[in-house]
């Protein structure tokens, strides 16, 4: 019994020891595995750190190598450049030595004129030196080509291109300086000429014939009329065809143009812009267009008024318009509409005294200068063209003949033609009625515009700055930018061949493309 118990106890003890050993071994094994894993992770981290350090060291070594190579390259380039400079210096020194030797040789030749052998010997020596110099120059040239990497032709081409660019810049600067000087001199000369003209003729009549004055509420308005960088005043001059003069005159702006219709349109437009206060290129064009329509209506009313005052009835509507346009035309400084009415009055008196038809006489007198309403639109003697207009719009043969004969372009065959000629001479011969210089000036400006208008693709042209400049608007769909340059040259050439004028005329061709859309 006791033995059995002992055996069982011993067995139980062994079993317990075995189980305890198993768990102890298992726990130890787990600790070993965990320690191994931690060790392996530590080794991996260490390896990564070493790899990063080596990579950084490699990058640093590569950068150092690149820096050394660059330094070596720059040093080598600098050395070569120094060698090149040294070679150039040596070459210049040798050239100077050679020149001194040549001078010395010349001197010796003069001193030893009779010693031909010595001279020949020195000439041979000089030839040898020259050959040596040529060889040296060729060697230096080859070295320069090798160092620079350029052939002689390439170097010449590069040098020429650089010189051309520099020359273009210098020419542009010089042209700008000359243009500024020319403008400055032209302004001074123009002031002298104008001063002399004012002293020698009636200034009031000239001003009334060529300029209009627009009064301003304050001088601050001048800045708004000019606009930023002058864009408003340029747009106004382009839209109306007049020259806007803004000077130190307080509370006033002057509009200058040889064409009275344009000047009146510009005056009305500027007054509207000043009153409205909105002054910008788009608004300027809109107001100018409205002013143009208003002046056209005013021209018709003026023609009707003149016909009524002269007692002439039944004129064709187009003749009425032409008659109204005479309000803005001058002949030798004399207003043509006023002149026409005077001729009609004079003919009425003379026809009444001679027991002729006063109504017919007044009609012939009123429209005898009707061609002058066309300005430069039709070429030829104004009397004959006026007769063609009268015939076109249904005037009687007596009136037509009186018109065509009043300047003796054709033989006068009726008493009404004689009366028209006499009345025209009487009206024109009043003291101060006409000024030949103004008429010649206006005809020159009209011919200037006619020359520009004769070219294909020209939309409209304006002579401004007292005939010193003509601005030409071209149709952008017919003439390209390159063509605009050629057109300006051709117009300038034709002006030079066709006109006689003082000083010079600036030809400005403007090509403008616009795209307009409305957001609805």
Protein backbone atom coordinates (compact mmCIF):
# COMPACT_ATOMS: atom_id res chain seq x y z
CA UNK A 1 0.00 0.00 0.00
CA UNK A 2 2.66 2.40 0.98
CA UNK A 3 4.68 1.37 -2.03
CA UNK A 4 1.78 1.94 -4.32
CA UNK A 5 1.17 5.33 -2.85
CA UNK A 6 4.82 6.17 -3.22
CA UNK A 7 4.81 5.07 -6.82
CA UNK A 8 1.73 7.16 -7.52
CA UNK A 9 3.19 10.14 -5.73
CA UNK A 10 6.42 9.73 -7.63
CA UNK A 11 4.51 9.46 -10.90
CA UNK A 12 2.43 12.52 -10.11
CA UNK A 13 5.56 14.41 -9.14
CA UNK A 14 7.27 13.43 -12.36
CA UNK A 15 4.25 14.42 -14.36
CA UNK A 16 4.09 17.77 -12.64
CA UNK A 17 7.81 18.29 -13.20
CA UNK A 18 7.41 17.37 -16.88
CA UNK A 19 4.54 19.79 -17.36
CA UNK A 20 6.39 22.51 -15.46
CA UNK A 21 9.52 21.90 -17.57
CA UNK A 22 7.47 22.05 -20.77
CA UNK A 23 6.02 25.41 -19.91
CA UNK A 24 9.38 26.69 -18.72
CA UNK A 25 11.03 25.62 -22.01
CA UNK A 26 8.18 27.12 -24.00
CA UNK A 27 8.48 30.46 -22.15
CA UNK A 28 12.24 30.43 -22.65
CA UNK A 29 11.87 29.67 -26.32
CA UNK A 30 9.45 32.56 -26.77
CA UNK A 31 11.88 34.88 -25.02
CA UNK A 32 14.69 33.71 -27.27
CA UNK A 33 12.56 34.24 -30.38
CA UNK A 34 11.53 37.71 -29.28
CA UNK A 35 15.13 38.56 -28.49
CA UNK A 36 16.17 37.33 -31.92
CA UNK A 37 13.48 39.39 -33.61
CA UNK A 38 14.50 42.51 -31.68
CA UNK A 39 18.12 41.83 -32.55
CA UNK A 40 17.26 41.41 -36.22
CA UNK A 41 15.28 44.65 -36.24
CA UNK A 42 18.18 46.41 -34.59
CA UNK A 43 20.55 45.01 -37.18
CA UNK A 44 18.22 46.15 -40.01
CA UNK A 45 17.97 49.65 -38.58
CA UNK A 46 21.71 49.80 -38.22
CA UNK A 47 22.13 48.62 -41.82
CA UNK A 48 19.70 51.29 -43.06
CA UNK A 49 21.56 53.98 -41.18
CA UNK A 50 24.86 52.80 -42.60
CA UNK A 51 23.35 52.73 -46.11
CA UNK A 52 22.02 56.29 -45.71
CA UNK A 53 25.37 57.48 -44.42
CA UNK A 54 27.18 55.87 -47.33
CA UNK A 55 24.68 57.36 -49.81
CA UNK A 56 25.21 60.83 -48.32
CA UNK A 57 28.94 60.36 -48.41
CA UNK A 58 28.68 59.28 -52.06
CA UNK A 59 26.59 62.36 -52.92
CA UNK A 60 29.04 64.63 -51.12
CA UNK A 61 31.95 62.97 -52.93
CA UNK A 62 30.09 63.37 -56.29
CA UNK A 63 29.40 67.05 -55.61
CA UNK A 64 33.00 67.60 -54.59
CA UNK A 65 34.11 65.87 -57.76
CA UNK A 66 31.79 68.04 -59.90
CA UNK A 67 33.00 71.17 -58.10
CA UNK A 68 36.61 70.20 -58.67
CA UNK A 69 35.91 69.43 -62.32
CA UNK A 70 34.12 72.76 -62.76
CA UNK A 71 36.93 74.58 -60.97
CA UNK A 72 39.47 72.80 -63.16
CA UNK A 73 37.45 73.65 -66.28
CA UNK A 74 37.12 77.30 -65.31
CA UNK A 75 40.78 77.43 -64.46
CA UNK A 76 41.67 75.82 -67.78
CA UNK A 77 39.38 78.22 -69.63
CA UNK A 78 40.85 81.15 -67.73
CA UNK A 79 44.35 79.92 -68.52
CA UNK A 80 43.46 79.56 -72.19
CA UNK A 81 41.90 82.99 -72.19
CA UNK A 82 45.04 84.33 -70.59
CA UNK A 83 47.12 82.54 -73.18
CA UNK A 84 44.96 84.07 -75.91
CA UNK A 85 45.37 87.55 -74.45
CA UNK A 86 49.08 86.97 -74.09
CA UNK A 87 49.27 85.80 -77.69
CA UNK A 88 47.40 88.89 -78.82
CA UNK A 89 49.77 91.10 -76.84
CA UNK A 90 52.77 89.34 -78.32
CA UNK A 91 51.31 89.70 -81.78
CA UNK A 92 50.70 93.41 -81.26
CA UNK A 93 54.21 93.81 -79.91
CA UNK A 94 55.63 92.00 -82.91
CA UNK A 95 53.55 94.17 -85.22
CA UNK A 96 54.83 97.28 -83.43
CA UNK A 97 58.38 95.94 -83.65
CA UNK A 98 57.88 95.28 -87.31
CA UNK A 99 56.54 98.79 -87.87
CA UNK A 100 59.52 100.22 -86.03
CA UNK A 101 61.81 98.08 -88.10
CA UNK A 102 60.09 99.23 -91.29
CA UNK A 103 60.42 102.84 -90.20
CA UNK A 104 64.05 102.25 -89.39
CA UNK A 105 64.55 100.57 -92.74
CA UNK A 106 62.97 103.50 -94.54
CA UNK A 107 65.22 105.87 -92.68
CA UNK A 108 68.26 103.82 -93.53
CA UNK A 109 67.15 103.63 -97.14
CA UNK A 110 67.03 107.42 -97.28
CA UNK A 111 70.41 107.68 -95.58
CA UNK A 112 72.04 104.98 -97.69
CA UNK A 113 70.52 105.73 -101.05
CA UNK A 114 73.66 104.77 -102.91
CA UNK A 115 74.22 101.46 -101.16
CA UNK A 116 71.99 99.17 -103.23
CA UNK A 117 73.53 95.93 -101.98
CA UNK A 118 72.86 96.77 -98.38
CA UNK A 119 69.32 97.78 -99.28
CA UNK A 120 68.73 94.53 -101.18
CA UNK A 121 70.11 92.57 -98.25
CA UNK A 122 67.83 94.36 -95.84
CA UNK A 123 64.89 93.88 -98.20
CA UNK A 124 65.56 90.14 -98.20
CA UNK A 125 65.78 90.24 -94.43
CA UNK A 126 62.51 92.17 -94.30
CA UNK A 127 60.85 89.67 -96.65
CA UNK A 128 62.01 86.86 -94.42
CA UNK A 129 60.64 88.62 -91.40
CA UNK A 130 57.39 89.28 -93.22
CA UNK A 131 57.09 85.61 -94.09
CA UNK A 132 57.91 84.75 -90.51
CA UNK A 133 55.26 87.22 -89.38
CA UNK A 134 52.71 85.79 -91.80
CA UNK A 135 53.50 82.30 -90.55
CA UNK A 136 53.19 83.51 -86.99
CA UNK A 137 49.89 85.25 -87.78
CA UNK A 138 48.58 82.10 -89.43
CA UNK A 139 49.65 80.07 -86.42
CA UNK A 140 48.01 82.53 -84.05
CA UNK A 141 44.89 82.54 -86.19
CA UNK A 142 44.70 78.74 -86.10
CA UNK A 143 45.18 78.80 -82.33
CA UNK A 144 42.41 81.36 -81.97
CA UNK A 145 40.11 79.22 -84.10
CA UNK A 146 40.88 76.13 -82.04
CA UNK A 147 40.35 77.95 -78.75
CA UNK A 148 37.15 79.73 -79.79
CA UNK A 149 35.70 76.82 -81.75
CA UNK A 150 34.79 79.17 -84.64
CA UNK A 151 36.12 79.40 -88.15
CA UNK A 152 37.25 82.73 -89.57
CA UNK A 153 34.08 83.02 -91.67
CA UNK A 154 31.84 82.18 -88.70
CA UNK A 155 33.66 84.71 -86.53
CA UNK A 156 33.28 87.39 -89.24
CA UNK A 157 29.60 86.56 -89.65
CA UNK A 158 29.01 86.72 -85.88
CA UNK A 159 30.91 90.00 -85.63
CA UNK A 160 28.96 91.50 -88.55
CA UNK A 161 25.63 90.45 -87.04
CA UNK A 162 26.51 92.07 -83.72
CA UNK A 163 27.71 95.21 -85.46
CA UNK A 164 24.49 95.34 -87.50
CA UNK A 165 22.35 95.03 -84.36
CA UNK A 166 24.34 97.77 -82.64
CA UNK A 167 24.15 99.92 -85.77
CA UNK A 168 20.36 99.47 -85.93
CA UNK A 169 20.03 100.54 -82.31
CA UNK A 170 22.29 103.55 -82.90
CA UNK A 171 20.32 104.49 -86.03
CA UNK A 172 16.99 104.22 -84.18
CA UNK A 173 18.30 106.42 -81.36
CA UNK A 174 19.73 108.91 -83.85
CA UNK A 175 16.46 109.01 -85.86
CA UNK A 176 14.46 109.62 -82.68
CA UNK A 177 16.84 112.41 -81.66
CA UNK A 178 16.69 113.96 -85.14
CA UNK A 179 12.90 113.67 -85.18
CA UNK A 180 12.67 115.45 -81.82
CA UNK A 181 15.03 118.16 -83.02
CA UNK A 182 13.05 118.53 -86.26
CA UNK A 183 9.77 118.86 -84.35
CA UNK A 184 11.30 121.43 -82.05
CA UNK A 185 12.69 123.41 -84.98
CA UNK A 186 9.44 123.05 -86.95
CA UNK A 187 7.42 124.43 -84.03
CA UNK A 188 9.71 127.46 -83.73
CA UNK A 189 9.64 128.04 -87.48
CA UNK A 190 5.84 127.67 -87.58
CA UNK A 191 5.49 130.22 -84.79
CA UNK A 192 7.68 132.69 -86.70
CA UNK A 193 5.71 132.19 -89.93
CA UNK A 194 2.36 132.56 -88.17
CA UNK A 195 3.56 135.71 -86.39
CA UNK A 196 4.65 137.26 -89.68
CA UNK A 197 1.37 136.26 -91.35
CA UNK A 198 -0.66 137.82 -88.53
CA UNK A 199 1.33 141.06 -88.84
CA UNK A 200 0.88 141.25 -92.62
CA UNK A 201 -2.82 140.29 -93.07
CA UNK A 202 -6.22 140.64 -91.39
CA UNK A 203 -6.10 138.09 -88.58
CA UNK A 204 -9.81 138.18 -87.80
CA UNK A 205 -10.84 137.10 -91.28
CA UNK A 206 -8.31 134.27 -91.33
CA UNK A 207 -9.42 132.96 -87.95
CA UNK A 208 -13.05 132.96 -88.97
CA UNK A 209 -12.19 131.10 -92.17
CA UNK A 210 -10.06 128.29 -90.78
CA UNK A 211 -10.72 127.85 -87.05
CA UNK A 212 -13.55 127.61 -84.54
CA UNK A 213 -13.33 128.24 -80.81
CA UNK A 214 -15.14 126.08 -78.25
CA UNK A 215 -15.58 127.62 -74.80
CA UNK A 216 -14.92 125.49 -71.71
CA UNK A 217 -16.55 125.66 -68.31
CA UNK A 218 -13.13 125.25 -66.68
CA UNK A 219 -9.56 124.47 -67.68
CA UNK A 220 -9.71 121.02 -66.06
CA UNK A 221 -11.80 119.95 -69.04
CA UNK A 222 -8.71 120.26 -71.27
CA UNK A 223 -7.14 117.28 -69.55
CA UNK A 224 -10.27 115.19 -70.10
CA UNK A 225 -10.36 116.20 -73.77
CA UNK A 226 -6.74 115.11 -74.18
CA UNK A 227 -7.31 111.83 -72.28
CA UNK A 228 -4.81 109.37 -70.98
CA UNK A 229 -1.69 109.48 -73.16
CA UNK A 230 -3.67 111.59 -75.66
CA UNK A 231 -6.07 108.82 -76.72
CA UNK A 232 -9.19 111.02 -76.53
CA UNK A 233 -7.81 113.86 -78.63
CA UNK A 234 -6.46 111.37 -81.21
CA UNK A 235 -9.81 109.61 -81.43
CA UNK A 236 -11.57 112.98 -81.82
CA UNK A 237 -9.22 114.11 -84.61
CA UNK A 238 -9.64 110.78 -86.43
CA UNK A 239 -13.44 110.82 -86.09
CA UNK A 240 -13.90 114.44 -87.24
CA UNK A 241 -10.87 115.14 -89.44
CA UNK A 242 -9.96 118.40 -87.70
CA UNK A 243 -6.92 119.54 -85.76
CA UNK A 244 -7.58 120.18 -82.06
CA UNK A 245 -5.36 122.93 -80.64
CA UNK A 246 -5.11 123.05 -76.84
CA UNK A 247 -2.86 125.83 -75.61
CA UNK A 248 -2.58 128.20 -72.66
CA UNK A 249 -5.66 130.18 -73.70
CA UNK A 250 -7.93 130.07 -70.64
CA UNK A 251 -11.37 128.52 -71.03
CA UNK A 252 -11.09 127.75 -74.75
CA UNK A 253 -10.12 125.03 -77.24
CA UNK A 254 -9.48 125.80 -80.92
CA UNK A 255 -10.60 123.56 -83.79
CA UNK A 256 -8.70 124.05 -87.03
CA UNK A 257 -9.62 122.72 -90.49
CA UNK A 258 -9.83 124.11 -94.00
CA UNK A 259 -13.17 122.30 -94.44
CA UNK A 260 -15.94 124.31 -92.78
CA UNK A 261 -18.36 121.36 -92.65
CA UNK A 262 -15.88 119.20 -90.75
CA UNK A 263 -15.07 122.09 -88.44
CA UNK A 264 -18.74 122.67 -87.64
CA UNK A 265 -19.32 118.94 -87.02
CA UNK A 266 -16.32 118.90 -84.68
CA UNK A 267 -17.52 121.99 -82.84
CA UNK A 268 -20.99 120.56 -82.25
CA UNK A 269 -19.55 117.18 -81.20
CA UNK A 270 -17.06 118.73 -78.76
CA UNK A 271 -19.70 120.96 -77.20
CA UNK A 272 -21.95 117.91 -76.70
CA UNK A 273 -19.09 115.91 -75.14
CA UNK A 274 -18.23 118.76 -72.77
CA UNK A 275 -21.86 119.13 -71.77
CA UNK A 276 -22.32 115.37 -71.32
CA UNK A 277 -19.05 114.88 -69.43
CA UNK A 278 -18.43 111.36 -70.77
CA UNK A 279 -15.35 111.62 -72.95
CA UNK A 280 -13.77 108.41 -74.26
CA UNK A 281 -13.05 107.05 -77.77
CA UNK A 282 -16.27 105.07 -78.11
CA UNK A 283 -18.42 107.99 -76.95
CA UNK A 284 -16.48 110.40 -79.19
CA UNK A 285 -17.28 108.37 -82.30
CA UNK A 286 -20.93 108.08 -81.35
CA UNK A 287 -21.33 111.82 -80.71
CA UNK A 288 -19.38 112.71 -83.88
CA UNK A 289 -21.71 110.55 -85.96
CA UNK A 290 -24.78 112.20 -84.43
CA UNK A 291 -23.28 115.65 -84.99
CA UNK A 292 -22.65 114.76 -88.62
CA UNK A 293 -26.32 113.90 -89.11
CA UNK A 294 -27.39 117.10 -87.38
CA UNK A 295 -25.11 119.21 -89.58
CA UNK A 296 -26.49 117.50 -92.66
CA UNK A 297 -29.98 118.50 -91.56
CA UNK A 298 -28.68 121.99 -90.79
CA UNK A 299 -27.15 122.19 -94.28
CA UNK A 300 -30.53 121.42 -95.83
CA UNK A 301 -32.21 124.06 -93.67
CA UNK A 302 -29.52 126.60 -94.57
CA UNK A 303 -30.06 125.92 -98.27
CA UNK A 304 -33.83 126.33 -97.93
CA UNK A 305 -33.33 129.58 -96.01
CA UNK A 306 -30.97 130.96 -98.65
CA UNK A 307 -33.39 130.08 -101.45
CA UNK A 308 -36.23 131.72 -99.56
CA UNK A 309 -34.22 134.90 -98.89
CA UNK A 310 -33.22 135.13 -102.56
CA UNK A 311 -36.77 134.50 -103.72
CA UNK A 312 -35.85 131.37 -105.68
CA UNK A 313 -38.41 128.56 -105.69
CA UNK A 314 -38.66 125.05 -107.08
CA UNK A 315 -35.03 124.02 -106.65
CA UNK A 316 -34.28 120.30 -106.69
CA UNK A 317 -33.71 118.85 -103.15
CA UNK A 318 -30.11 117.95 -104.04
CA UNK A 319 -29.50 121.50 -105.26
CA UNK A 320 -30.86 122.72 -101.92
CA UNK A 321 -28.29 120.55 -100.13
CA UNK A 322 -25.47 121.80 -102.33
CA UNK A 323 -26.59 125.36 -101.68
CA UNK A 324 -26.53 124.76 -97.91
CA UNK A 325 -23.01 123.34 -98.09
CA UNK A 326 -21.84 126.64 -99.56
CA UNK A 327 -22.36 128.07 -96.07
CA UNK A 328 -19.17 126.23 -95.09
CA UNK A 329 -17.16 127.02 -98.22
CA UNK A 330 -14.96 130.02 -98.98
CA UNK A 331 -13.60 131.37 -102.27
CA UNK A 332 -10.44 133.47 -101.86
CA UNK A 333 -11.49 133.92 -98.22
CA UNK A 334 -15.05 135.00 -99.12
CA UNK A 335 -18.02 132.93 -97.89
CA UNK A 336 -19.50 131.33 -101.02
CA UNK A 337 -23.13 131.25 -99.82
CA UNK A 338 -23.03 134.93 -98.87
CA UNK A 339 -21.35 135.68 -102.19
CA UNK A 340 -24.06 133.72 -104.08
CA UNK A 341 -26.84 135.61 -102.33
CA UNK A 342 -25.12 138.93 -103.12
CA UNK A 343 -24.88 137.95 -106.79
CA UNK A 344 -28.59 137.04 -106.78
CA UNK A 345 -29.49 140.42 -105.23
CA UNK A 346 -27.31 142.33 -107.73
CA UNK A 347 -28.75 140.44 -110.68
CA UNK A 348 -32.28 141.08 -109.42
CA UNK A 349 -31.62 144.85 -109.38
CA UNK A 350 -29.91 144.88 -112.80
CA UNK A 351 -32.57 142.64 -114.43
CA UNK A 352 -35.32 144.86 -113.06
CA UNK A 353 -33.63 147.97 -114.48
CA UNK A 354 -33.21 146.27 -117.88
CA UNK A 355 -36.81 145.02 -117.96
CA UNK A 356 -35.67 141.37 -117.86
CA UNK A 357 -36.99 138.47 -115.79
CA UNK A 358 -35.82 139.13 -112.20
CA UNK A 359 -36.79 135.60 -111.05
CA UNK A 360 -34.62 133.98 -113.73
CA UNK A 361 -31.77 136.36 -112.92
CA UNK A 362 -31.97 135.61 -109.18
CA UNK A 363 -31.99 131.86 -109.88
CA UNK A 364 -28.89 132.01 -112.07
CA UNK A 365 -27.09 134.25 -109.58
CA UNK A 366 -27.90 132.08 -106.56
CA UNK A 367 -26.58 128.82 -108.01
CA UNK A 368 -23.82 130.14 -110.28
CA UNK A 369 -21.08 128.77 -107.90
CA UNK A 370 -22.92 125.56 -106.97
CA UNK A 371 -19.97 123.41 -108.04
CA UNK A 372 -17.90 124.73 -105.13
CA UNK A 373 -20.05 122.67 -102.79
CA UNK A 374 -18.33 119.53 -104.15
CA UNK A 375 -14.82 120.58 -103.01
CA UNK A 376 -12.36 118.12 -104.57
CA UNK A 377 -14.88 115.42 -105.47
CA UNK A 378 -14.94 116.36 -109.17
CA UNK A 379 -12.04 117.71 -111.23
CA UNK A 380 -12.42 120.48 -113.81
CA UNK A 381 -13.44 124.16 -114.17
CA UNK A 382 -16.05 124.93 -111.54
CA UNK A 383 -18.31 126.84 -113.96
CA UNK A 384 -18.63 123.91 -116.39
CA UNK A 385 -19.14 121.38 -113.62
CA UNK A 386 -21.75 123.65 -112.02
CA UNK A 387 -23.55 123.81 -115.37
CA UNK A 388 -23.56 120.00 -115.56
CA UNK A 389 -25.10 119.85 -112.09
CA UNK A 390 -27.77 122.37 -113.06
CA UNK A 391 -28.55 120.40 -116.19
CA UNK A 392 -28.71 117.15 -114.20
CA UNK A 393 -31.27 118.60 -111.78
CA UNK A 394 -33.55 120.15 -114.38
CA UNK A 395 -32.58 123.82 -114.62
CA UNK A 396 -33.52 125.85 -117.70
CA UNK A 397 -31.08 126.36 -120.61
CA UNK A 398 -30.74 130.08 -119.77
CA UNK A 399 -29.65 129.30 -116.20
CA UNK A 400 -27.28 126.55 -117.37
CA UNK A 401 -25.63 128.86 -119.89
CA UNK A 402 -25.32 131.69 -117.36
CA UNK A 403 -23.51 129.31 -114.97
CA UNK A 404 -21.09 127.87 -117.53
CA UNK A 405 -20.23 131.28 -119.03
CA UNK A 406 -19.87 133.42 -115.90
CA UNK A 407 -16.11 132.78 -115.75
CA UNK A 408 -15.79 133.07 -119.55
CA UNK A 409 -14.98 129.36 -119.90
CA UNK A 410 -17.42 129.46 -122.84
CA UNK A 411 -18.60 132.37 -124.98
CA UNK A 412 -21.42 134.41 -123.39
CA UNK A 413 -24.46 134.23 -125.68
CA UNK A 414 -27.21 135.61 -123.45
CA UNK A 415 -27.77 138.75 -121.41
CA UNK A 416 -28.22 136.66 -118.25
CA UNK A 417 -24.69 135.23 -118.72
CA UNK A 418 -23.34 138.77 -118.99
CA UNK A 419 -25.26 139.86 -115.89
CA UNK A 420 -23.98 136.84 -113.94
CA UNK A 421 -20.40 137.65 -114.90
CA UNK A 422 -20.83 141.30 -113.92
CA UNK A 423 -22.56 140.58 -110.60
CA UNK A 424 -19.93 137.97 -109.71
CA UNK A 425 -17.15 140.50 -110.36
CA UNK A 426 -18.90 143.22 -108.34
CA UNK A 427 -19.42 140.95 -105.31
CA UNK A 428 -15.83 139.71 -105.44
CA UNK A 429 -14.26 143.14 -105.94
CA UNK A 430 -15.45 144.68 -102.67
CA UNK A 431 -12.47 145.77 -100.54
CA UNK A 432 -11.40 142.87 -98.32
CA UNK A 433 -13.94 140.45 -99.82
CA UNK A 434 -11.37 137.96 -101.05
CA UNK A 435 -7.92 136.77 -100.09
CA UNK A 436 -6.01 134.80 -102.68
CA UNK A 437 -3.59 133.24 -100.17
CA UNK A 438 -6.35 131.51 -98.20
CA UNK A 439 -7.95 130.12 -101.36
CA UNK A 440 -4.64 128.76 -102.60
CA UNK A 441 -4.03 127.21 -99.20
CA UNK A 442 -7.45 125.51 -99.17
CA UNK A 443 -7.07 124.25 -102.73
CA UNK A 444 -3.73 122.74 -101.82
CA UNK A 445 -5.28 120.90 -98.86
CA UNK A 446 -8.17 119.69 -101.00
CA UNK A 447 -5.75 118.39 -103.62
CA UNK A 448 -3.72 116.72 -100.87
CA UNK A 449 -6.79 114.80 -99.73
CA UNK A 450 -7.74 114.02 -103.35
CA UNK A 451 -4.33 112.42 -103.93
CA UNK A 452 -4.77 110.15 -100.89
CA UNK A 453 -8.35 109.25 -101.85
CA UNK A 454 -7.22 108.21 -105.34
CA UNK A 455 -5.46 105.10 -104.00
CA UNK A 456 -7.31 101.80 -103.80
CA UNK A 457 -8.25 100.68 -100.30
CA UNK A 458 -8.36 104.20 -98.81
CA UNK A 459 -11.56 104.72 -96.82
CA UNK A 460 -11.13 108.41 -95.97
CA UNK A 461 -8.36 110.95 -95.50
CA UNK A 462 -7.94 114.16 -93.52
CA UNK A 463 -5.42 116.95 -94.08
CA UNK A 464 -4.50 118.43 -90.69
CA UNK A 465 -1.81 120.55 -89.04
CA UNK A 466 -2.24 123.26 -91.70
CA UNK A 467 -1.38 120.78 -94.43
CA UNK A 468 1.78 119.51 -92.73
CA UNK A 469 0.19 116.10 -92.07
CA UNK A 470 -2.39 113.91 -93.76
CA UNK A 471 -4.05 111.02 -91.91
CA UNK A 472 -5.40 108.20 -94.04
CA UNK A 473 -7.87 105.55 -92.86
CA UNK A 474 -7.61 102.35 -94.91
CA UNK A 475 -9.92 99.35 -95.21
CA UNK A 476 -8.32 96.56 -93.11
CA UNK A 477 -9.85 93.78 -95.23
CA UNK A 478 -8.18 95.12 -98.39
CA UNK A 479 -4.76 96.26 -97.17
CA UNK A 480 -2.54 94.36 -94.71
CA UNK A 481 -0.04 95.88 -92.29
CA UNK A 482 2.85 95.45 -94.74
CA UNK A 483 0.74 97.00 -97.47
CA UNK A 484 0.05 100.02 -95.24
CA UNK A 485 3.78 100.80 -95.13
CA UNK A 486 4.02 100.52 -98.91
CA UNK A 487 0.88 102.64 -99.37
CA UNK A 488 2.32 105.42 -97.18
CA UNK A 489 5.47 105.47 -99.30
CA UNK A 490 3.48 105.55 -102.58
CA UNK A 491 1.24 108.38 -101.37
CA UNK A 492 4.26 110.38 -100.17
CA UNK A 493 5.91 109.86 -103.55
CA UNK A 494 2.83 111.03 -105.45
CA UNK A 495 2.52 114.10 -103.19
CA UNK A 496 6.16 114.94 -103.91
CA UNK A 497 5.55 114.63 -107.67
CA UNK A 498 2.16 116.41 -107.79
CA UNK A 499 2.23 119.25 -105.24
CA UNK A 500 4.34 122.25 -104.44
CA UNK A 501 4.45 122.96 -100.71
CA UNK A 502 6.75 124.48 -98.11
CA UNK A 503 8.60 122.22 -95.67
CA UNK A 504 7.45 118.61 -95.49
CA UNK A 505 4.18 116.67 -95.25
CA UNK A 506 3.83 113.75 -92.83
CA UNK A 507 1.82 110.84 -94.28
CA UNK A 508 0.20 108.69 -91.58
CA UNK A 509 -1.65 105.53 -92.68
CA UNK A 510 -3.94 104.03 -90.00
CA UNK A 511 -5.19 100.45 -90.24
CA UNK A 512 -7.70 99.55 -87.55
CA UNK A 513 -9.70 96.35 -87.06
CA UNK A 514 -12.62 96.33 -84.64
CA UNK A 515 -14.79 93.58 -83.25
CA UNK A 516 -18.07 94.65 -81.62
CA UNK A 517 -20.51 92.38 -79.84
CA UNK A 518 -23.41 93.06 -77.47
CA UNK A 519 -24.10 91.12 -74.27
CA UNK A 520 -27.85 90.59 -73.95
